[in-house]
């Protein structure tokens, strides 16, 4: 599998991305509460929500429990230097990164 980084910045954002030839809208928000963190919403290109509020946790495929959506790729979060470090408000995109992988 080859990992591909999805470029992010440390601010709330929404953008279109093509995964296996299908366009999705990814929206990232920071929840400033106790045990705060970044969350991910995935929608169709037209804006219909598929899944909302996925916490950006490290070390696991973020989409494993949503296989029924047939997105077809796993999404992972990793932080440079400490793969288990949780993304903070200021480090999303560098050094905390979001990746997807495809089968060769």
N, C-alpha and C. Protein backbone atom coordinates (compact mmCIF):
# COMPACT_ATOMS: atom_id res chain seq x y z
N UNK A 1 0.84 -1.19 0.00
CA UNK A 1 0.00 0.00 0.00
C UNK A 1 0.88 1.25 0.00
N UNK A 2 0.45 2.23 -0.75
CA UNK A 2 1.14 3.50 -0.81
C UNK A 2 0.34 4.54 -0.04
N UNK A 3 0.96 5.23 0.94
CA UNK A 3 0.23 6.28 1.66
C UNK A 3 0.25 7.59 0.89
N UNK A 4 -0.87 8.30 0.90
CA UNK A 4 -0.98 9.61 0.28
C UNK A 4 -1.44 10.59 1.34
N UNK A 5 -0.70 11.69 1.49
CA UNK A 5 -1.07 12.69 2.47
C UNK A 5 -2.16 13.61 1.92
N UNK A 6 -3.13 13.91 2.75
CA UNK A 6 -4.15 14.90 2.43
C UNK A 6 -3.68 16.20 3.10
N UNK A 7 -3.28 17.19 2.32
CA UNK A 7 -2.74 18.43 2.92
C UNK A 7 -3.78 19.14 3.77
N UNK A 8 -3.40 19.48 4.98
CA UNK A 8 -4.29 20.19 5.91
C UNK A 8 -3.56 21.38 6.50
N UNK A 9 -4.33 22.27 7.12
CA UNK A 9 -3.77 23.39 7.86
C UNK A 9 -4.45 23.42 9.22
N UNK A 10 -3.83 24.09 10.21
CA UNK A 10 -4.41 24.10 11.55
C UNK A 10 -5.55 25.11 11.69
N UNK A 11 -6.58 24.94 10.87
CA UNK A 11 -7.77 25.79 10.94
C UNK A 11 -8.96 24.98 10.41
N UNK A 12 -10.16 25.33 10.83
CA UNK A 12 -11.32 24.65 10.28
C UNK A 12 -11.32 24.80 8.77
N UNK A 13 -11.70 23.73 8.07
CA UNK A 13 -11.63 23.76 6.61
C UNK A 13 -12.59 22.76 5.99
N UNK A 14 -12.91 23.02 4.74
CA UNK A 14 -13.78 22.14 3.96
C UNK A 14 -13.27 22.16 2.53
N UNK A 15 -13.16 20.98 1.92
CA UNK A 15 -12.62 20.90 0.56
C UNK A 15 -13.09 19.62 -0.11
N UNK A 16 -13.01 19.63 -1.43
CA UNK A 16 -13.33 18.44 -2.22
C UNK A 16 -12.07 17.63 -2.43
N UNK A 17 -12.22 16.30 -2.43
CA UNK A 17 -11.10 15.40 -2.67
C UNK A 17 -11.63 14.21 -3.46
N UNK A 18 -10.81 13.69 -4.36
CA UNK A 18 -11.17 12.51 -5.11
C UNK A 18 -10.50 11.30 -4.48
N UNK A 19 -11.30 10.31 -4.09
CA UNK A 19 -10.80 9.06 -3.53
C UNK A 19 -11.29 7.93 -4.42
N UNK A 20 -10.36 7.26 -5.07
CA UNK A 20 -10.69 6.18 -6.01
C UNK A 20 -11.69 6.66 -7.08
N UNK A 21 -11.50 7.90 -7.53
CA UNK A 21 -12.31 8.43 -8.61
C UNK A 21 -13.65 9.00 -8.21
N UNK A 22 -13.95 9.02 -6.92
CA UNK A 22 -15.22 9.57 -6.42
C UNK A 22 -14.90 10.84 -5.64
N UNK A 23 -15.66 11.91 -5.92
CA UNK A 23 -15.46 13.17 -5.21
C UNK A 23 -16.22 13.17 -3.88
N UNK A 24 -15.53 13.58 -2.83
CA UNK A 24 -16.13 13.74 -1.50
C UNK A 24 -15.79 15.12 -0.98
N UNK A 25 -16.63 15.63 -0.10
CA UNK A 25 -16.32 16.87 0.61
C UNK A 25 -15.91 16.49 2.03
N UNK A 26 -14.68 16.85 2.41
CA UNK A 26 -14.20 16.64 3.77
C UNK A 26 -14.27 17.97 4.51
N UNK A 27 -14.80 17.93 5.71
CA UNK A 27 -14.88 19.11 6.55
C UNK A 27 -14.25 18.77 7.89
N UNK A 28 -13.29 19.61 8.31
CA UNK A 28 -12.62 19.40 9.59
C UNK A 28 -12.93 20.57 10.51
N UNK A 29 -13.27 20.22 11.75
CA UNK A 29 -13.60 21.22 12.77
C UNK A 29 -12.87 20.87 14.05
N UNK A 30 -12.57 21.90 14.82
CA UNK A 30 -11.97 21.68 16.14
C UNK A 30 -13.04 21.89 17.19
N UNK A 31 -13.22 20.90 18.04
CA UNK A 31 -14.20 20.96 19.13
C UNK A 31 -13.48 21.43 20.39
N UNK A 32 -13.68 22.68 20.77
CA UNK A 32 -12.99 23.28 21.91
C UNK A 32 -13.78 23.03 23.19
N UNK A 33 -13.74 21.77 23.65
CA UNK A 33 -14.42 21.36 24.87
C UNK A 33 -13.46 20.51 25.69
N UNK A 34 -13.94 19.99 26.82
CA UNK A 34 -13.13 19.05 27.60
C UNK A 34 -12.80 17.88 26.67
N UNK A 35 -11.56 17.41 26.71
CA UNK A 35 -11.10 16.36 25.79
C UNK A 35 -11.31 16.78 24.34
N UNK A 36 -11.03 18.04 24.06
CA UNK A 36 -11.24 18.61 22.74
C UNK A 36 -10.43 17.91 21.67
N UNK A 37 -10.79 18.15 20.44
CA UNK A 37 -10.04 17.58 19.34
C UNK A 37 -10.69 17.87 18.00
N UNK A 38 -9.98 17.46 16.96
CA UNK A 38 -10.45 17.63 15.60
C UNK A 38 -11.46 16.54 15.24
N UNK A 39 -12.47 16.92 14.47
CA UNK A 39 -13.42 15.95 13.94
C UNK A 39 -13.52 16.11 12.44
N UNK A 40 -13.94 15.03 11.79
CA UNK A 40 -14.04 14.97 10.34
C UNK A 40 -15.46 14.63 9.94
N UNK A 41 -16.00 15.39 8.99
CA UNK A 41 -17.28 15.06 8.35
C UNK A 41 -16.97 14.68 6.91
N UNK A 42 -17.68 13.69 6.40
CA UNK A 42 -17.54 13.28 5.00
C UNK A 42 -18.91 13.40 4.35
N UNK A 43 -18.94 14.09 3.21
CA UNK A 43 -20.18 14.29 2.47
C UNK A 43 -19.94 14.00 1.00
N UNK A 44 -21.01 13.88 0.26
CA UNK A 44 -20.88 13.77 -1.19
C UNK A 44 -20.41 15.12 -1.72
N UNK A 45 -19.99 15.15 -2.98
CA UNK A 45 -19.57 16.41 -3.58
C UNK A 45 -20.71 17.42 -3.60
N UNK A 46 -21.95 16.93 -3.68
CA UNK A 46 -23.12 17.81 -3.68
C UNK A 46 -23.48 18.31 -2.28
N UNK A 47 -22.84 17.75 -1.25
CA UNK A 47 -23.08 18.22 0.11
C UNK A 47 -23.94 17.35 0.99
N UNK A 48 -24.38 16.19 0.51
CA UNK A 48 -25.18 15.29 1.35
C UNK A 48 -24.27 14.58 2.34
N UNK A 49 -24.53 14.73 3.62
CA UNK A 49 -23.70 14.13 4.65
C UNK A 49 -23.74 12.60 4.58
N UNK A 50 -22.55 11.99 4.66
CA UNK A 50 -22.44 10.54 4.74
C UNK A 50 -22.15 10.12 6.17
N UNK A 51 -21.22 10.81 6.82
CA UNK A 51 -20.88 10.54 8.22
C UNK A 51 -20.31 11.83 8.80
N UNK A 52 -20.66 12.13 10.05
CA UNK A 52 -20.25 13.38 10.68
C UNK A 52 -19.63 13.11 12.05
N UNK A 53 -18.65 13.94 12.39
CA UNK A 53 -18.09 13.92 13.74
C UNK A 53 -17.10 12.81 14.03
N UNK A 54 -16.39 12.32 13.02
CA UNK A 54 -15.38 11.28 13.26
C UNK A 54 -14.20 11.93 13.98
N UNK A 55 -13.85 11.48 15.19
CA UNK A 55 -12.69 12.06 15.89
C UNK A 55 -11.39 11.67 15.16
N UNK A 56 -10.47 12.62 15.03
CA UNK A 56 -9.18 12.34 14.43
C UNK A 56 -8.27 11.72 15.49
N UNK A 57 -8.37 10.42 15.63
CA UNK A 57 -7.53 9.67 16.56
C UNK A 57 -6.41 8.99 15.78
N UNK A 58 -5.30 8.78 16.44
CA UNK A 58 -4.15 8.17 15.78
C UNK A 58 -4.17 6.66 15.94
N UNK A 59 -3.50 5.99 15.01
CA UNK A 59 -3.27 4.56 15.13
C UNK A 59 -4.34 3.64 14.63
N UNK A 60 -5.45 4.18 14.14
CA UNK A 60 -6.55 3.34 13.68
C UNK A 60 -7.09 3.89 12.37
N UNK A 61 -7.67 3.01 11.57
CA UNK A 61 -8.38 3.43 10.37
C UNK A 61 -9.64 4.16 10.81
N UNK A 62 -9.75 5.43 10.46
CA UNK A 62 -10.91 6.22 10.88
C UNK A 62 -12.22 5.73 10.25
N UNK A 63 -12.12 5.00 9.14
CA UNK A 63 -13.32 4.58 8.42
C UNK A 63 -13.70 3.13 8.61
N UNK A 64 -12.99 2.39 9.47
CA UNK A 64 -13.24 0.96 9.59
C UNK A 64 -14.70 0.66 9.96
N UNK A 65 -15.30 1.47 10.80
CA UNK A 65 -16.69 1.20 11.18
C UNK A 65 -17.70 1.72 10.16
N UNK A 66 -17.20 2.37 9.10
CA UNK A 66 -18.07 2.90 8.06
C UNK A 66 -17.85 2.21 6.72
N UNK A 67 -17.42 0.95 6.76
CA UNK A 67 -17.15 0.22 5.52
C UNK A 67 -18.38 0.14 4.62
N UNK A 68 -19.57 0.17 5.20
CA UNK A 68 -20.81 0.09 4.43
C UNK A 68 -20.97 1.27 3.47
N UNK A 69 -20.23 2.37 3.69
CA UNK A 69 -20.30 3.52 2.80
C UNK A 69 -19.54 3.29 1.49
N UNK A 70 -18.72 2.24 1.47
CA UNK A 70 -17.96 1.88 0.27
C UNK A 70 -17.07 3.01 -0.25
N UNK A 71 -16.45 3.74 0.66
CA UNK A 71 -15.49 4.77 0.25
C UNK A 71 -14.26 4.11 -0.35
N UNK A 72 -13.88 2.95 0.16
CA UNK A 72 -12.86 2.13 -0.47
C UNK A 72 -11.43 2.39 -0.07
N UNK A 73 -11.19 3.37 0.79
CA UNK A 73 -9.83 3.62 1.26
C UNK A 73 -9.85 3.79 2.78
N UNK A 74 -8.79 3.37 3.45
CA UNK A 74 -8.68 3.69 4.87
C UNK A 74 -8.10 5.09 5.06
N UNK A 75 -8.48 5.77 6.12
CA UNK A 75 -7.92 7.07 6.50
C UNK A 75 -7.20 6.91 7.82
N UNK A 76 -5.99 7.47 7.91
CA UNK A 76 -5.18 7.38 9.12
C UNK A 76 -4.66 8.76 9.49
N UNK A 77 -4.50 8.99 10.79
CA UNK A 77 -3.85 10.18 11.31
C UNK A 77 -2.56 9.74 11.98
N UNK A 78 -1.46 10.43 11.68
CA UNK A 78 -0.17 10.15 12.33
C UNK A 78 0.53 11.48 12.57
N UNK A 79 1.30 11.54 13.64
CA UNK A 79 2.06 12.74 13.97
C UNK A 79 3.53 12.43 13.85
N UNK A 80 4.25 13.25 13.07
CA UNK A 80 5.69 13.06 12.89
C UNK A 80 6.40 12.98 14.23
N UNK A 81 7.29 12.03 14.38
CA UNK A 81 8.08 11.90 15.59
C UNK A 81 7.40 11.13 16.71
N UNK A 82 6.09 11.11 16.74
CA UNK A 82 5.34 10.37 17.74
C UNK A 82 4.02 9.94 17.10
N UNK A 83 4.00 8.76 16.51
CA UNK A 83 2.84 8.32 15.73
C UNK A 83 1.55 8.26 16.53
N UNK A 84 1.65 8.22 17.87
CA UNK A 84 0.45 8.15 18.70
C UNK A 84 0.01 9.49 19.28
N UNK A 85 0.75 10.56 18.99
CA UNK A 85 0.39 11.88 19.52
C UNK A 85 -0.88 12.38 18.85
N UNK A 86 -1.81 12.83 19.65
CA UNK A 86 -3.10 13.32 19.15
C UNK A 86 -2.92 14.70 18.51
N UNK A 87 -3.56 14.95 17.38
CA UNK A 87 -3.47 16.28 16.77
C UNK A 87 -4.03 17.35 17.70
N UNK A 88 -3.34 18.46 17.79
CA UNK A 88 -3.79 19.59 18.61
C UNK A 88 -4.35 20.67 17.69
N UNK A 89 -4.88 21.72 18.31
CA UNK A 89 -5.44 22.81 17.51
C UNK A 89 -4.39 23.43 16.60
N UNK A 90 -3.15 23.50 17.05
CA UNK A 90 -2.12 24.22 16.28
C UNK A 90 -1.24 23.33 15.40
N UNK A 91 -1.30 22.00 15.54
CA UNK A 91 -0.36 21.19 14.76
C UNK A 91 -0.98 20.36 13.64
N UNK A 92 -2.27 20.56 13.35
CA UNK A 92 -2.89 19.81 12.27
C UNK A 92 -2.25 20.21 10.95
N UNK A 93 -1.81 19.24 10.19
CA UNK A 93 -1.15 19.49 8.92
C UNK A 93 0.36 19.42 9.02
N UNK A 94 0.91 19.82 10.15
CA UNK A 94 2.36 19.75 10.38
C UNK A 94 2.62 19.93 11.86
N UNK A 95 2.94 18.89 12.57
CA UNK A 95 3.35 17.55 12.16
C UNK A 95 2.23 16.50 12.16
N UNK A 96 1.00 16.85 12.57
CA UNK A 96 -0.09 15.86 12.55
C UNK A 96 -0.67 15.82 11.15
N UNK A 97 -0.68 14.64 10.54
CA UNK A 97 -1.06 14.52 9.13
C UNK A 97 -2.16 13.49 8.94
N UNK A 98 -2.95 13.70 7.90
CA UNK A 98 -4.02 12.78 7.52
C UNK A 98 -3.61 12.09 6.24
N UNK A 99 -3.72 10.75 6.23
CA UNK A 99 -3.31 9.94 5.08
C UNK A 99 -4.44 9.02 4.65
N UNK A 100 -4.44 8.68 3.35
CA UNK A 100 -5.24 7.56 2.89
C UNK A 100 -4.30 6.64 2.12
N UNK A 101 -4.69 5.39 2.01
CA UNK A 101 -3.87 4.43 1.30
C UNK A 101 -4.73 3.70 0.28
N UNK A 102 -4.05 3.19 -0.74
CA UNK A 102 -4.74 2.37 -1.75
C UNK A 102 -3.96 1.08 -1.90
N UNK A 103 -4.63 0.08 -2.41
CA UNK A 103 -3.95 -1.20 -2.69
C UNK A 103 -3.14 -1.02 -3.97
N UNK A 104 -1.95 -1.63 -4.05
CA UNK A 104 -1.13 -1.51 -5.28
C UNK A 104 -1.80 -2.14 -6.48
